[in-house]
């Protein structure tokens, strides 16, 4: 299964939440990039822009690890209900 277009924004938001709960995670570049909103760090992971799919999958795995299916569904639903498009910022659903 390939990541959906909204998977990276959800993953970035989740990395922020995890880093808030455990500041030691800020020693890892992906978590630090998420907290500092360094979107360029994540844009380089795009396989369509010669990014390494393994690096993208690592971010997705880090952000989704350790949660039950029900937890994931609730978090994803909450995210989709409140998320705004990162560029347009006018849409309530991405």
Foldseek 3Di string as FASTA:
>chain_A
DDDDPCLVVLLLVLLQVVCVVPVVCCVDVSSVCSVVVVVVVVVQCPVVNVHDVVVVVVSSCVSPPPDDPVVVVVSVVVCQQAPADPPPRPDRGD
